[in-house]
Protein backbone atom coordinates (compact mmCIF):
# COMPACT_ATOMS: atom_id res chain seq x y z
CA MET A 1 136.75 130.62 82.92
CA PRO A 2 139.85 130.46 85.15
CA LYS A 3 139.34 131.29 88.79
CA ALA A 4 140.63 134.61 90.10
CA SER A 5 143.78 134.14 92.20
CA ILE A 6 143.72 135.65 95.68
CA PHE A 7 146.67 136.10 98.03
CA ILE A 8 146.07 136.60 101.77
CA VAL A 9 148.41 138.67 103.96
CA ASP A 10 147.57 138.40 107.66
CA ASP A 11 149.60 137.43 110.70
CA HIS A 12 146.67 135.72 112.42
CA LEU A 13 146.51 132.06 111.38
CA VAL A 14 142.86 131.74 112.35
CA VAL A 15 141.90 134.67 110.11
CA CYS A 16 143.89 133.24 107.20
CA ALA A 17 142.32 129.81 107.63
CA GLY A 18 138.80 131.24 107.79
CA LEU A 19 139.24 133.41 104.70
CA LYS A 20 140.85 130.56 102.76
CA ALA A 21 138.00 128.18 103.61
CA LEU A 22 135.40 130.77 102.62
CA ILE A 23 137.04 131.76 99.33
CA ASN A 24 137.82 128.23 98.20
CA THR A 25 134.13 127.30 98.34
CA GLN A 26 133.42 129.83 95.58
CA PRO A 27 133.34 128.81 91.89
CA ASP A 28 135.05 131.97 90.61
CA MET A 29 137.99 132.45 92.98
CA GLN A 30 140.68 130.55 94.85
CA VAL A 31 143.44 131.29 97.34
CA THR A 32 146.78 130.72 95.64
CA GLY A 33 149.05 131.86 98.46
CA GLU A 34 149.32 133.42 101.89
CA ALA A 35 151.88 135.15 104.07
CA ASN A 36 152.02 136.17 107.72
CA SER A 37 154.37 139.13 107.25
CA GLY A 38 154.76 142.06 104.90
CA LYS A 39 158.26 141.15 103.75
CA ARG A 40 157.28 137.56 103.03
CA ALA A 41 154.21 138.70 101.10
CA LEU A 42 156.19 141.07 98.91
CA ALA A 43 158.85 138.44 98.20
CA VAL A 44 156.27 135.88 97.09
CA LEU A 45 154.20 138.36 95.07
CA ARG A 46 157.27 139.48 93.14
CA GLU A 47 157.65 135.92 91.87
CA GLN A 48 153.99 134.98 91.64
CA PRO A 49 151.63 137.98 91.28
CA ALA A 50 147.98 137.46 92.18
CA ASP A 51 144.83 138.99 90.75
CA MET A 52 143.90 140.26 94.19
CA VAL A 53 145.44 140.66 97.63
CA LEU A 54 143.56 140.65 100.93
CA LEU A 55 145.81 142.76 103.14
CA ASP A 56 145.79 143.24 106.89
CA ILE A 57 146.87 146.70 108.07
CA ASN A 58 148.58 145.62 111.25
CA LEU A 59 151.50 143.32 110.38
CA GLY A 60 154.35 142.56 112.71
CA ASP A 61 157.22 143.65 110.49
CA MET A 62 155.76 146.36 108.23
CA SER A 63 152.80 148.68 108.15
CA GLY A 64 150.02 147.68 105.78
CA ILE A 65 150.23 150.99 103.94
CA ASP A 66 153.91 150.32 103.09
CA VAL A 67 153.03 146.87 101.77
CA LEU A 68 150.14 148.32 99.77
CA ARG A 69 152.32 150.96 98.11
CA ASP A 70 154.92 148.36 97.15
CA ILE A 71 152.27 146.05 95.67
CA LYS A 72 150.73 148.85 93.59
CA LEU A 73 154.15 150.07 92.47
CA ARG A 74 155.24 146.66 91.18
CA ASN A 75 151.88 145.33 90.02
CA PRO A 76 149.44 148.20 89.38
CA ALA A 77 146.79 145.80 88.05
CA THR A 78 146.63 143.83 91.31
CA ARG A 79 143.47 144.64 93.25
CA VAL A 80 143.84 145.13 96.99
CA LEU A 81 141.13 144.85 99.62
CA VAL A 82 142.29 145.99 103.04
CA LEU A 83 141.19 143.98 106.08
CA SER A 84 141.33 145.42 109.55
CA SER A 85 140.07 145.27 113.09
CA TYR A 86 140.54 149.05 113.21
CA PRO A 87 137.51 151.28 112.56
CA GLU A 88 137.16 152.44 108.95
CA ALA A 89 137.50 156.09 109.93
CA GLN A 90 141.02 155.53 111.27
CA TYR A 91 142.75 154.18 108.17
CA GLY A 92 140.21 153.83 105.38
CA LEU A 93 140.63 157.11 103.54
CA ASN A 94 144.42 156.96 103.59
CA MET A 95 144.43 153.36 102.33
CA LEU A 96 142.15 154.31 99.44
CA ARG A 97 144.50 157.15 98.52
CA ALA A 98 147.38 154.67 98.54
CA GLY A 99 145.65 152.50 95.96
CA ALA A 100 143.38 150.11 97.85
CA GLY A 101 140.13 149.16 96.16
CA GLY A 102 138.28 148.90 99.45
CA PHE A 103 138.42 148.55 103.20
CA ILE A 104 136.44 146.04 105.26
CA GLY A 105 136.42 145.08 108.92
CA LYS A 106 137.41 141.56 109.90
CA ALA A 107 134.14 141.25 111.80
CA ALA A 108 132.12 141.40 108.56
CA ASP A 109 129.97 138.34 107.92
CA SER A 110 130.72 135.89 105.10
CA ALA A 111 128.20 137.36 102.67
CA GLU A 112 129.54 140.89 103.14
CA MET A 113 133.14 139.73 102.81
CA LEU A 114 132.42 137.97 99.51
CA ARG A 115 130.47 141.00 98.27
CA ALA A 116 133.46 143.24 99.04
CA ILE A 117 135.93 140.86 97.38
CA ARG A 118 133.88 140.63 94.19
CA GLN A 119 133.28 144.38 94.08
CA VAL A 120 136.99 145.13 94.24
CA MET A 121 137.88 142.23 91.94
CA ARG A 122 135.68 143.77 89.22
CA GLY A 123 137.57 147.05 89.51
CA GLY A 124 135.02 148.77 91.71
CA ARG A 125 135.36 150.26 95.18
CA TYR A 126 133.99 148.78 98.37
CA LEU A 127 133.10 151.38 100.99
CA GLY A 128 131.37 150.65 104.25
CA PRO A 129 128.90 153.26 105.57
CA ALA A 130 131.41 154.92 107.91
CA LEU A 131 134.05 155.28 105.20
CA ALA A 132 131.55 156.58 102.65
CA GLU A 133 130.45 159.20 105.18
CA GLN A 134 134.06 160.16 105.83
CA LEU A 135 134.72 160.61 102.11
CA VAL A 136 131.74 162.92 101.82
CA ALA A 137 132.90 164.83 104.88
CA SER A 138 136.39 165.30 103.43
CA VAL A 139 134.95 166.65 100.18
CA ASP A 140 132.56 168.96 102.02
CA GLY A 141 135.28 170.24 104.34
CA ASP A 142 133.55 168.90 107.44
CA PRO A 143 135.38 170.30 110.52
CA ASP A 144 134.59 167.07 112.39
CA ALA A 145 136.42 164.88 109.84
CA PRO A 146 139.60 163.21 111.24
CA LEU A 147 142.60 165.51 111.05
CA HIS A 148 144.83 162.83 109.54
CA GLY A 149 142.48 162.70 106.56
CA ARG A 150 144.22 165.90 105.42
CA LEU A 151 147.51 164.08 104.91
CA SER A 152 148.72 162.76 101.58
CA THR A 153 149.63 159.08 101.35
CA ARG A 154 153.35 159.78 101.81
CA GLU A 155 152.68 162.18 104.69
CA PHE A 156 150.49 159.58 106.38
CA GLN A 157 153.20 156.92 106.02
CA ILE A 158 155.75 159.18 107.68
CA PHE A 159 153.27 160.33 110.31
CA CYS A 160 152.65 156.71 111.38
CA LYS A 161 156.37 155.99 111.63
CA LEU A 162 157.04 159.15 113.64
CA ALA A 163 154.13 158.31 115.94
CA GLN A 164 155.63 154.86 116.53
CA GLY A 165 158.88 156.46 117.68
CA ASP A 166 161.05 156.17 114.56
CA THR A 167 163.64 158.89 114.07
CA VAL A 168 163.87 160.94 110.90
CA SER A 169 167.12 159.20 109.91
CA ALA A 170 165.61 155.75 110.54
CA ILE A 171 162.58 156.62 108.41
CA ALA A 172 164.84 157.93 105.65
CA ALA A 173 166.76 154.65 105.61
CA LYS A 174 163.59 152.51 105.59
CA MET A 175 161.92 154.50 102.82
CA PHE A 176 165.05 155.16 100.72
CA LEU A 177 164.61 158.91 101.06
CA SER A 178 167.04 161.62 102.12
CA VAL A 179 166.96 162.88 105.70
CA LYS A 180 166.16 166.33 104.32
CA THR A 181 163.12 164.99 102.43
CA VAL A 182 161.77 163.20 105.50
CA SER A 183 162.34 166.32 107.60
CA THR A 184 160.31 168.32 105.08
CA TYR A 185 157.47 165.80 105.25
CA ARG A 186 157.62 165.87 109.05
CA ARG A 187 157.20 169.63 109.03
CA ARG A 188 154.24 169.37 106.65
CA VAL A 189 152.59 166.78 108.89
CA LEU A 190 153.05 168.93 111.99
CA ASP A 191 151.68 171.96 110.17
CA LYS A 192 148.64 170.15 108.76
CA LEU A 193 147.78 168.64 112.12
CA SER A 194 148.58 171.87 114.02
CA MET A 195 151.03 170.07 116.29
CA LYS A 196 154.41 171.03 117.70
CA ASN A 197 156.46 167.86 118.04
CA ASN A 198 156.63 164.07 117.73
CA ALA A 199 155.13 163.60 121.20
CA ASP A 200 151.98 165.37 119.98
CA LEU A 201 151.86 163.05 116.96
CA THR A 202 152.19 159.97 119.15
CA ALA A 203 149.48 161.15 121.55
CA TYR A 204 147.13 161.84 118.65
CA ALA A 205 147.86 158.46 117.03
CA ILE A 206 147.19 156.56 120.26
CA ARG A 207 144.04 158.55 120.94
CA ASN A 208 142.73 157.72 117.47
CA GLU A 209 143.86 154.07 117.60
CA LEU A 210 146.32 154.49 114.73
CA VAL A 211 149.14 152.90 116.74
CA HIS A 212 149.23 150.76 119.86
């Protein structure tokens, strides 16, 4: 049987090299490409789609959630496993809503990483203990669940950009939306998080390690 093709998107060369070495030792999968930026990854994947993408959240030029949405829009069959040094509770739920098949920390050992890759490759979901607990909490209406778990995928995208200091007009241009639409999403985000302004959003995002 042909090996599953895997594309790695991470701006840390050491991480890419380690993942590539690990994956290429396996009989059922191989790394067929890599990119150190979101824009580069999307350009290559448009020409040469992969069976699966290992995607870092924190890229220099784009947010991982924007890259994820573009991948799933253009190639819905492509599986995506999100890699991150952030805790699962910060981004995991929102990445799953955006179409990721799983979320795993970069500190996972080799056996766990391969287990996660194969689980997602087969069409399943990979959830670490913290993310599984968060999913249960969100279903049960747990008051201690992270507030940003209430946001839709689009709301979370806009929330992250506002928290990073982007203006409504800049976000509209980046996301090919009208200023009015982005303003509406901004108001929904503020309402859902019970906040008054962008400064509140930034403070919350920094406190919860969603931006740096």
